[in-house]
Amino acid sequence: MQIRLLLVALLIGLQGETIFCLDLGHGIDGRISGGELAIVNQFPYQVGLSIEESNDLFSWCGASLISEQYLLTAAHCVDKAVSITYYLGGVQRLAPRQLIRSAQPKVILHPDWNSDSLENDIAVLRLPELALLGDSIKPIRLPGISSRSSSYDYVPATASGWGRMNDESSAISDHLRYVVRFVESNEDCWYSYANIRSTNICMDTTGGRSTCTGDSGGPLVYQDPALNSEVLIGITSYGKKSGCTKGYSSVFTRVTSYLDWIEEVTGVVYP
């Protein structure tokens, strides 16, 4: 079997630029650029996905563990998946604490997912076996129903993943990395993208510190002082095709916009 990364881009015209998803497989770019090395057990909710599509095409994405059986990721990562290998609890990309392979993955795409506009870029994955919870593997908390109106504008948030480290990188990272940046308001994000919706949340990337190719589907997390807990507020979706280090905002799916759907599909809900 010939194994190769699908590098054909899904390009969408936008303000004279193109946008790109942040996986290695759909041309919408995603990686951690200018980030720091993660330490063991720092991101126990981070999951890596090796995704096989038809014709022996493979891609890499991230995901977030939200219970011992369910993950959240980007719809564009998995809408054509025929098999998925899940990497849980690791810092080194190919050395997880738990490895799960599924030849018939349970993928639940948002019913209004639009692959052309990237609207509703969210999917639930159901693991074929339970995650082995411990210090290295733990679910991330979702925002509470009472927080559904929170914008998280201008708070610091952390994005993590195994994506490329800069625009010149030819491969994704072997070591989990992260970057801490401020959430932008959607009004500020409109300067980079004309089609930003209320269901998106954006991150400032000043200084070239950003998500990039290979980070799609991964988490954007806020340390909520009121809860004394990390909270998943975004799912890495897309950025500018011109590059991850150019200072254009990174765009995520806003988790608070989908709390009812997530509860309906997974039963996971917080007050």
C-alpha atoms as a PDB file:
ATOM      1  CA  MET A   1       0.000   0.000   0.000  1.00  0.00           C
ATOM      2  CA  GLN A   2       1.368   3.386  -0.933  1.00  0.00           C
ATOM      3  CA  ILE A   3       1.214   5.737   2.018  1.00  0.00           C
ATOM      4  CA  ARG A   4       1.465   9.424   1.359  1.00  0.00           C
ATOM      5  CA  LEU A   5       0.137  12.694   2.708  1.00  0.00           C
ATOM      6  CA  LEU A   6      -2.597  14.290   0.686  1.00  0.00           C
ATOM      7  CA  LEU A   7      -1.352  17.815   0.004  1.00  0.00           C
ATOM      8  CA  VAL A   8      -3.993  19.028  -2.429  1.00  0.00           C
ATOM      9  CA  ALA A   9      -5.497  22.286  -1.157  1.00  0.00           C
ATOM     10  CA  LEU A  10      -9.130  23.184  -0.878  1.00  0.00           C
ATOM     11  CA  LEU A  11      -8.893  26.862  -1.831  1.00  0.00           C
ATOM     12  CA  ILE A  12     -11.568  29.433  -1.213  1.00  0.00           C
ATOM     13  CA  GLY A  13     -11.289  33.013  -2.489  1.00  0.00           C
ATOM     14  CA  LEU A  14     -11.510  35.600   0.262  1.00  0.00           C
ATOM     15  CA  GLN A  15     -10.565  39.304   0.252  1.00  0.00           C
ATOM     16  CA  GLY A  16      -8.008  38.732  -2.481  1.00  0.00           C
ATOM     17  CA  GLU A  17      -6.432  35.916  -0.458  1.00  0.00           C
ATOM     18  CA  THR A  18      -7.283  32.277   0.051  1.00  0.00           C
ATOM     19  CA  ILE A  19      -8.022  30.522   3.289  1.00  0.00           C
ATOM     20  CA  PHE A  20      -6.723  27.120   4.176  1.00  0.00           C
ATOM     21  CA  CYS A  21      -7.762  24.462   6.643  1.00  0.00           C
ATOM     22  CA  LEU A  22      -5.120  23.581   9.149  1.00  0.00           C
ATOM     23  CA  ASP A  23      -4.647  19.885   8.473  1.00  0.00           C
ATOM     24  CA  LEU A  24      -2.172  18.052   6.280  1.00  0.00           C
ATOM     25  CA  GLY A  25      -4.619  16.684   3.830  1.00  0.00           C
ATOM     26  CA  HIS A  26      -7.153  19.307   2.812  1.00  0.00           C
ATOM     27  CA  GLY A  27      -4.874  22.243   2.094  1.00  0.00           C
ATOM     28  CA  ILE A  28      -6.378  24.387   4.788  1.00  0.00           C
ATOM     29  CA  ASP A  29      -3.183  24.894   6.746  1.00  0.00           C
ATOM     30  CA  GLY A  30      -2.645  24.210  10.480  1.00  0.00           C
ATOM     31  CA  ARG A  31       0.387  24.019  12.806  1.00  0.00           C
ATOM     32  CA  ILE A  32       1.893  25.595  15.912  1.00  0.00           C
ATOM     33  CA  SER A  33       4.249  28.274  14.615  1.00  0.00           C
ATOM     34  CA  GLY A  34       6.612  29.986  17.033  1.00  0.00           C
ATOM     35  CA  GLY A  35       5.348  27.887  19.929  1.00  0.00           C
ATOM     36  CA  GLU A  36       6.861  26.217  22.973  1.00  0.00           C
ATOM     37  CA  LEU A  37       7.539  22.544  23.641  1.00  0.00           C
ATOM     38  CA  ALA A  38       4.878  20.860  25.765  1.00  0.00           C
ATOM     39  CA  ILE A  39       5.917  18.851  28.799  1.00  0.00           C
ATOM     40  CA  VAL A  40       4.564  15.460  29.830  1.00  0.00           C
ATOM     41  CA  ASN A  41       0.934  15.587  31.027  1.00  0.00           C
ATOM     42  CA  GLN A  42       0.596  19.307  30.209  1.00  0.00           C
ATOM     43  CA  PHE A  43      -2.218  18.709  27.711  1.00  0.00           C
ATOM     44  CA  PRO A  44      -3.841  15.414  28.718  1.00  0.00           C
ATOM     45  CA  TYR A  45      -6.933  16.179  26.621  1.00  0.00           C
ATOM     46  CA  GLN A  46      -4.931  16.541  23.383  1.00  0.00           C
ATOM     47  CA  VAL A  47      -5.434  13.704  20.900  1.00  0.00           C
ATOM     48  CA  GLY A  48      -3.677  13.134  17.578  1.00  0.00           C
ATOM     49  CA  LEU A  49      -5.575  11.710  14.614  1.00  0.00           C
ATOM     50  CA  SER A  50      -4.014   9.815  11.725  1.00  0.00           C
ATOM     51  CA  ILE A  51      -6.783   9.793   9.140  1.00  0.00           C
ATOM     52  CA  GLU A  52      -7.016   7.573   6.102  1.00  0.00           C
ATOM     53  CA  GLU A  53      -9.210   8.531   3.172  1.00  0.00           C
ATOM     54  CA  SER A  54      -9.860   6.660  -0.050  1.00  0.00           C
ATOM     55  CA  ASN A  55      -7.025   5.960  -2.500  1.00  0.00           C
ATOM     56  CA  ASP A  56      -4.442   5.521   0.289  1.00  0.00           C
ATOM     57  CA  LEU A  57      -4.469   9.214   1.204  1.00  0.00           C
ATOM     58  CA  PHE A  58      -3.491  10.103   4.761  1.00  0.00           C
ATOM     59  CA  SER A  59      -3.696  13.287   6.829  1.00  0.00           C
ATOM     60  CA  TRP A  60      -2.972  14.375  10.402  1.00  0.00           C
ATOM     61  CA  CYS A  61      -5.250  16.419  12.679  1.00  0.00           C
ATOM     62  CA  GLY A  62      -5.799  17.137  16.348  1.00  0.00           C
ATOM     63  CA  ALA A  63      -8.800  16.551  18.592  1.00  0.00           C
ATOM     64  CA  SER A  64      -9.901  17.133  22.178  1.00  0.00           C
ATOM     65  CA  LEU A  65     -11.058  14.437  24.578  1.00  0.00           C
ATOM     66  CA  ILE A  66     -14.313  15.593  26.225  1.00  0.00           C
ATOM     67  CA  SER A  67     -15.240  12.317  27.964  1.00  0.00           C
ATOM     68  CA  GLU A  68     -13.827   8.825  28.187  1.00  0.00           C
ATOM     69  CA  GLN A  69     -15.537   7.971  24.882  1.00  0.00           C
ATOM     70  CA  TYR A  70     -16.023  11.173  22.882  1.00  0.00           C
ATOM     71  CA  LEU A  71     -13.759  13.643  21.076  1.00  0.00           C
ATOM     72  CA  LEU A  72     -14.358  16.964  19.361  1.00  0.00           C
ATOM     73  CA  THR A  73     -12.512  17.850  16.163  1.00  0.00           C
ATOM     74  CA  ALA A  74     -12.986  19.843  12.950  1.00  0.00           C
ATOM     75  CA  ALA A  75     -15.441  18.461  10.408  1.00  0.00           C
ATOM     76  CA  HIS A  76     -13.036  19.161   7.543  1.00  0.00           C
ATOM     77  CA  CYS A  77     -10.546  16.729   9.107  1.00  0.00           C
ATOM     78  CA  VAL A  78     -12.828  13.702   9.153  1.00  0.00           C
ATOM     79  CA  ASP A  79     -15.646  14.183   6.656  1.00  0.00           C
ATOM     80  CA  LYS A  80     -13.974  11.719   4.245  1.00  0.00           C
ATOM     81  CA  ALA A  81     -12.343   9.395   6.777  1.00  0.00           C
ATOM     82  CA  VAL A  82     -12.465   5.661   6.109  1.00  0.00           C
ATOM     83  CA  SER A  83     -10.258   4.781   9.095  1.00  0.00           C
ATOM     84  CA  ILE A  84      -8.759   6.703  12.004  1.00  0.00           C
ATOM     85  CA  THR A  85      -5.926   5.938  14.403  1.00  0.00           C
ATOM     86  CA  TYR A  86      -6.189   7.802  17.719  1.00  0.00           C
ATOM     87  CA  TYR A  87      -3.069   8.840  19.649  1.00  0.00           C
ATOM     88  CA  LEU A  88      -3.930   9.622  23.291  1.00  0.00           C
ATOM     89  CA  GLY A  89      -1.789  10.894  26.139  1.00  0.00           C
ATOM     90  CA  GLY A  90       1.500  11.456  24.337  1.00  0.00           C
ATOM     91  CA  VAL A  91       3.887  14.348  23.888  1.00  0.00           C
ATOM     92  CA  GLN A  92       5.946  12.615  21.214  1.00  0.00           C
ATOM     93  CA  ARG A  93       3.534  12.327  18.298  1.00  0.00           C
ATOM     94  CA  LEU A  94       4.086   8.629  17.581  1.00  0.00           C
ATOM     95  CA  ALA A  95       4.584   7.507  21.184  1.00  0.00           C
ATOM     96  CA  PRO A  96       1.131   7.785  22.803  1.00  0.00           C
ATOM     97  CA  ARG A  97       0.110   6.327  26.149  1.00  0.00           C
ATOM     98  CA  GLN A  98      -2.874   4.748  24.391  1.00  0.00           C
ATOM     99  CA  LEU A  99      -3.247   3.863  20.720  1.00  0.00           C
ATOM    100  CA  ILE A 100      -6.664   3.043  19.274  1.00  0.00           C
ATOM    101  CA  ARG A 101      -7.303   2.020  15.683  1.00  0.00           C
ATOM    102  CA  SER A 102     -10.732   2.070  14.076  1.00  0.00           C
ATOM    103  CA  ALA A 103     -11.347   0.668  10.588  1.00  0.00           C
ATOM    104  CA  GLN A 104     -14.947   1.856  10.772  1.00  0.00           C
ATOM    105  CA  PRO A 105     -14.772   5.129  12.719  1.00  0.00           C
ATOM    106  CA  LYS A 106     -17.902   6.590  14.256  1.00  0.00           C
ATOM    107  CA  VAL A 107     -17.878  10.121  12.846  1.00  0.00           C
ATOM    108  CA  ILE A 108     -20.768  12.474  13.590  1.00  0.00           C
ATOM    109  CA  LEU A 109     -20.557  15.600  11.449  1.00  0.00           C
ATOM    110  CA  HIS A 110     -22.569  18.655  12.367  1.00  0.00           C
ATOM    111  CA  PRO A 111     -25.757  18.427  10.264  1.00  0.00           C
ATOM    112  CA  ASP A 112     -25.135  21.909   8.819  1.00  0.00           C
ATOM    113  CA  TRP A 113     -21.444  21.408   8.009  1.00  0.00           C
ATOM    114  CA  ASN A 114     -20.588  23.139   4.732  1.00  0.00           C
ATOM    115  CA  SER A 115     -17.273  22.105   3.188  1.00  0.00           C
ATOM    116  CA  ASP A 116     -17.318  25.022   0.734  1.00  0.00           C
ATOM    117  CA  SER A 117     -17.783  27.828   3.250  1.00  0.00           C
ATOM    118  CA  LEU A 118     -16.312  25.937   6.266  1.00  0.00           C
ATOM    119  CA  GLU A 119     -19.410  26.886   8.240  1.00  0.00           C
ATOM    120  CA  ASN A 120     -20.146  24.646  11.265  1.00  0.00           C
ATOM    121  CA  ASP A 121     -16.680  23.079  11.111  1.00  0.00           C
ATOM    122  CA  ILE A 122     -17.195  20.681  14.010  1.00  0.00           C
ATOM    123  CA  ALA A 123     -17.527  16.916  14.406  1.00  0.00           C
ATOM    124  CA  VAL A 124     -17.847  14.391  17.217  1.00  0.00           C
ATOM    125  CA  LEU A 125     -15.793  11.184  17.202  1.00  0.00           C
ATOM    126  CA  ARG A 126     -16.868   8.175  19.276  1.00  0.00           C
ATOM    127  CA  LEU A 127     -13.952   6.036  20.387  1.00  0.00           C
ATOM    128  CA  PRO A 128     -14.392   2.298  19.766  1.00  0.00           C
ATOM    129  CA  GLU A 129     -13.012   1.658  23.260  1.00  0.00           C
ATOM    130  CA  LEU A 130     -12.871   3.789  26.394  1.00  0.00           C
ATOM    131  CA  ALA A 131      -9.952   6.118  26.990  1.00  0.00           C
ATOM    132  CA  LEU A 132      -7.729   4.963  29.855  1.00  0.00           C
ATOM    133  CA  LEU A 133      -8.024   8.005  32.082  1.00  0.00           C
ATOM    134  CA  GLY A 134      -5.090   9.049  34.262  1.00  0.00           C
ATOM    135  CA  ASP A 135      -2.499  11.806  34.576  1.00  0.00           C
ATOM    136  CA  SER A 136      -1.702  11.627  30.850  1.00  0.00           C
ATOM    137  CA  ILE A 137      -5.253  11.209  29.528  1.00  0.00           C
ATOM    138  CA  LYS A 138      -8.025  13.448  30.882  1.00  0.00           C
ATOM    139  CA  PRO A 139     -11.080  15.090  29.320  1.00  0.00           C
ATOM    140  CA  ILE A 140     -11.190  18.866  28.936  1.00  0.00           C
ATOM    141  CA  ARG A 141     -14.149  20.724  30.417  1.00  0.00           C
ATOM    142  CA  LEU A 142     -16.641  22.341  28.061  1.00  0.00           C
ATOM    143  CA  PRO A 143     -18.047  25.823  28.735  1.00  0.00           C
ATOM    144  CA  GLY A 144     -21.120  25.699  30.918  1.00  0.00           C
ATOM    145  CA  ILE A 145     -24.582  26.337  29.538  1.00  0.00           C
ATOM    146  CA  SER A 146     -24.579  29.507  31.650  1.00  0.00           C
ATOM    147  CA  SER A 147     -21.492  30.677  29.704  1.00  0.00           C
ATOM    148  CA  ARG A 148     -22.960  30.278  26.227  1.00  0.00           C
ATOM    149  CA  SER A 149     -23.033  34.080  25.746  1.00  0.00           C
ATOM    150  CA  SER A 150     -19.392  34.581  26.766  1.00  0.00           C
ATOM    151  CA  SER A 151     -17.303  36.032  23.928  1.00  0.00           C
ATOM    152  CA  TYR A 152     -13.897  35.439  25.592  1.00  0.00           C
ATOM    153  CA  ASP A 153     -12.689  38.579  23.818  1.00  0.00           C
ATOM    154  CA  TYR A 154      -9.135  39.592  24.766  1.00  0.00           C
ATOM    155  CA  VAL A 155      -8.519  36.794  27.263  1.00  0.00           C
ATOM    156  CA  PRO A 156      -5.323  34.692  26.933  1.00  0.00           C
ATOM    157  CA  ALA A 157      -5.913  31.271  25.409  1.00  0.00           C
ATOM    158  CA  THR A 158      -3.707  28.296  24.536  1.00  0.00           C
ATOM    159  CA  ALA A 159      -3.632  26.402  21.231  1.00  0.00           C
ATOM    160  CA  SER A 160      -1.700  23.138  20.966  1.00  0.00           C
ATOM    161  CA  GLY A 161      -0.804  20.589  18.310  1.00  0.00           C
ATOM    162  CA  TRP A 162       1.822  18.755  16.290  1.00  0.00           C
ATOM    163  CA  GLY A 163       1.551  21.049  13.279  1.00  0.00           C
ATOM    164  CA  ARG A 164       4.387  22.650  11.316  1.00  0.00           C
ATOM    165  CA  MET A 165       6.655  25.060  13.180  1.00  0.00           C
ATOM    166  CA  ASN A 166       6.946  27.684  10.439  1.00  0.00           C
ATOM    167  CA  ASP A 167       6.047  28.341   6.825  1.00  0.00           C
ATOM    168  CA  GLU A 168       9.292  26.785   5.610  1.00  0.00           C
ATOM    169  CA  SER A 169       8.787  23.465   7.411  1.00  0.00           C
ATOM    170  CA  SER A 170       8.262  20.497   5.121  1.00  0.00           C
ATOM    171  CA  ALA A 171       6.786  18.249   7.826  1.00  0.00           C
ATOM    172  CA  ILE A 172       4.708  18.441  10.957  1.00  0.00           C
ATOM    173  CA  SER A 173       6.326  18.324  14.408  1.00  0.00           C
ATOM    174  CA  ASP A 174       7.271  15.131  16.231  1.00  0.00           C
ATOM    175  CA  HIS A 175       6.836  16.909  19.595  1.00  0.00           C
ATOM    176  CA  LEU A 176       3.635  18.499  20.886  1.00  0.00           C
ATOM    177  CA  ARG A 177       3.861  22.289  20.953  1.00  0.00           C
ATOM    178  CA  TYR A 178       1.676  25.121  22.181  1.00  0.00           C
ATOM    179  CA  VAL A 179       1.263  28.856  21.898  1.00  0.00           C
ATOM    180  CA  VAL A 180      -0.488  31.332  24.216  1.00  0.00           C
ATOM    181  CA  ARG A 181      -2.147  34.298  22.499  1.00  0.00           C
ATOM    182  CA  PHE A 182      -5.074  36.631  23.118  1.00  0.00           C
ATOM    183  CA  VAL A 183      -8.533  35.963  21.725  1.00  0.00           C
ATOM    184  CA  GLU A 184      -9.584  38.637  19.253  1.00  0.00           C
ATOM    185  CA  SER A 185     -13.046  40.067  18.963  1.00  0.00           C
ATOM    186  CA  ASN A 186     -14.904  39.018  15.828  1.00  0.00           C
ATOM    187  CA  GLU A 187     -14.941  42.686  14.816  1.00  0.00           C
ATOM    188  CA  ASP A 188     -11.125  42.714  14.813  1.00  0.00           C
ATOM    189  CA  CYS A 189     -11.049  39.389  12.973  1.00  0.00           C
ATOM    190  CA  TRP A 190     -13.146  40.842  10.144  1.00  0.00           C
ATOM    191  CA  TYR A 191     -10.057  42.782   9.033  1.00  0.00           C
ATOM    192  CA  SER A 192      -8.519  39.437   7.998  1.00  0.00           C
ATOM    193  CA  TYR A 193     -11.649  37.511   6.942  1.00  0.00           C
ATOM    194  CA  ALA A 194     -14.842  38.923   5.468  1.00  0.00           C
ATOM    195  CA  ASN A 195     -16.904  35.827   6.286  1.00  0.00           C
ATOM    196  CA  ILE A 196     -16.257  35.509  10.034  1.00  0.00           C
ATOM    197  CA  ARG A 197     -19.438  34.357  11.743  1.00  0.00           C
ATOM    198  CA  SER A 198     -20.703  34.427  15.294  1.00  0.00           C
ATOM    199  CA  THR A 199     -19.909  30.693  15.380  1.00  0.00           C
ATOM    200  CA  ASN A 200     -16.198  31.466  14.940  1.00  0.00           C
ATOM    201  CA  ILE A 201     -13.650  32.621  17.492  1.00  0.00           C
ATOM    202  CA  CYS A 202     -10.295  34.133  16.482  1.00  0.00           C
ATOM    203  CA  MET A 203      -6.788  34.298  17.941  1.00  0.00           C
ATOM    204  CA  ASP A 204      -4.228  37.076  17.525  1.00  0.00           C
ATOM    205  CA  THR A 205      -1.011  35.861  15.837  1.00  0.00           C
ATOM    206  CA  THR A 206       1.234  38.912  16.189  1.00  0.00           C
ATOM    207  CA  GLY A 207       4.884  37.951  15.873  1.00  0.00           C
ATOM    208  CA  GLY A 208       4.124  34.819  13.853  1.00  0.00           C
ATOM    209  CA  ARG A 209       2.950  32.808  16.875  1.00  0.00           C
ATOM    210  CA  SER A 210       0.065  30.835  15.452  1.00  0.00           C
ATOM    211  CA  THR A 211      -1.580  27.547  14.591  1.00  0.00           C
ATOM    212  CA  CYS A 212      -0.474  26.036  11.282  1.00  0.00           C
ATOM    213  CA  THR A 213      -0.543  22.938   9.033  1.00  0.00           C
ATOM    214  CA  GLY A 214      -1.315  19.804  11.062  1.00  0.00           C
ATOM    215  CA  ASP A 215      -3.093  21.581  13.938  1.00  0.00           C
ATOM    216  CA  SER A 216      -6.633  21.441  12.523  1.00  0.00           C
ATOM    217  CA  GLY A 217      -9.230  20.045  14.894  1.00  0.00           C
ATOM    218  CA  GLY A 218      -7.063  20.744  17.919  1.00  0.00           C
ATOM    219  CA  PRO A 219      -8.010  22.703  21.038  1.00  0.00           C
ATOM    220  CA  LEU A 220      -8.120  26.362  21.979  1.00  0.00           C
ATOM    221  CA  VAL A 221      -8.316  26.460  25.763  1.00  0.00           C
ATOM    222  CA  TYR A 222      -8.971  29.190  28.343  1.00  0.00           C
ATOM    223  CA  GLN A 223      -7.970  28.950  31.996  1.00  0.00           C
ATOM    224  CA  ASP A 224     -11.191  30.135  33.651  1.00  0.00           C
ATOM    225  CA  PRO A 225     -10.382  31.668  37.041  1.00  0.00           C
ATOM    226  CA  ALA A 226     -14.002  31.466  38.181  1.00  0.00           C
ATOM    227  CA  LEU A 227     -13.970  27.690  37.677  1.00  0.00           C
ATOM    228  CA  ASN A 228     -10.280  27.169  38.466  1.00  0.00           C
ATOM    229  CA  SER A 229     -10.310  24.946  35.411  1.00  0.00           C
ATOM    230  CA  GLU A 230      -9.254  24.859  31.775  1.00  0.00           C
ATOM    231  CA  VAL A 231     -12.180  25.182  29.366  1.00  0.00           C
ATOM    232  CA  LEU A 232     -12.343  24.263  25.679  1.00  0.00           C
ATOM    233  CA  ILE A 233     -13.496  27.376  23.805  1.00  0.00           C
ATOM    234  CA  GLY A 234     -12.339  26.678  20.236  1.00  0.00           C
ATOM    235  CA  ILE A 235     -11.528  24.022  17.629  1.00  0.00           C
ATOM    236  CA  THR A 236      -8.780  24.898  15.132  1.00  0.00           C
ATOM    237  CA  SER A 237     -10.391  25.516  11.731  1.00  0.00           C
ATOM    238  CA  TYR A 238      -8.528  27.699   9.210  1.00  0.00           C
ATOM    239  CA  GLY A 239      -6.063  30.465   8.416  1.00  0.00           C
ATOM    240  CA  LYS A 240      -4.627  32.377   5.459  1.00  0.00           C
ATOM    241  CA  LYS A 241      -3.072  30.445   2.616  1.00  0.00           C
ATOM    242  CA  SER A 242      -0.321  33.073   2.388  1.00  0.00           C
ATOM    243  CA  GLY A 243       1.238  31.681   5.557  1.00  0.00           C
ATOM    244  CA  CYS A 244       0.925  31.043   9.272  1.00  0.00           C
ATOM    245  CA  THR A 245       3.560  33.598  10.269  1.00  0.00           C
ATOM    246  CA  LYS A 246       2.153  36.587   8.386  1.00  0.00           C
ATOM    247  CA  GLY A 247       0.149  37.953  11.327  1.00  0.00           C
ATOM    248  CA  TYR A 248      -3.325  37.071  10.043  1.00  0.00           C
ATOM    249  CA  SER A 249      -5.712  35.809  12.700  1.00  0.00           C
ATOM    250  CA  SER A 250      -6.193  32.082  13.277  1.00  0.00           C
ATOM    251  CA  VAL A 251      -9.834  31.018  13.085  1.00  0.00           C
ATOM    252  CA  PHE A 252     -11.507  28.433  15.324  1.00  0.00           C
ATOM    253  CA  THR A 253     -14.981  26.970  15.667  1.00  0.00           C
ATOM    254  CA  ARG A 254     -16.622  28.597  18.719  1.00  0.00           C
ATOM    255  CA  VAL A 255     -17.574  25.776  21.101  1.00  0.00           C
ATOM    256  CA  THR A 256     -20.240  27.781  22.969  1.00  0.00           C
ATOM    257  CA  SER A 257     -22.247  27.952  19.733  1.00  0.00           C
ATOM    258  CA  TYR A 258     -22.645  24.163  19.698  1.00  0.00           C
ATOM    259  CA  LEU A 259     -23.256  23.176  23.327  1.00  0.00           C
ATOM    260  CA  ASP A 260     -26.803  21.934  22.697  1.00  0.00           C
ATOM    261  CA  TRP A 261     -25.712  19.804  19.747  1.00  0.00           C
ATOM    262  CA  ILE A 262     -22.751  18.380  21.663  1.00  0.00           C
ATOM    263  CA  GLU A 263     -25.039  17.457  24.566  1.00  0.00           C
ATOM    264  CA  GLU A 264     -27.544  15.834  22.187  1.00  0.00           C
ATOM    265  CA  VAL A 265     -24.866  13.697  20.533  1.00  0.00           C
ATOM    266  CA  THR A 266     -22.613  12.867  23.490  1.00  0.00           C
ATOM    267  CA  GLY A 267     -24.566  13.594  26.684  1.00  0.00           C
ATOM    268  CA  VAL A 268     -21.696  15.823  27.848  1.00  0.00           C
ATOM    269  CA  VAL A 269     -22.951  19.049  29.406  1.00  0.00           C
ATOM    270  CA  TYR A 270     -21.908  21.436  32.164  1.00  0.00           C
ATOM    271  CA  PRO A 271     -24.228  23.825  34.041  1.00  0.00           C
END
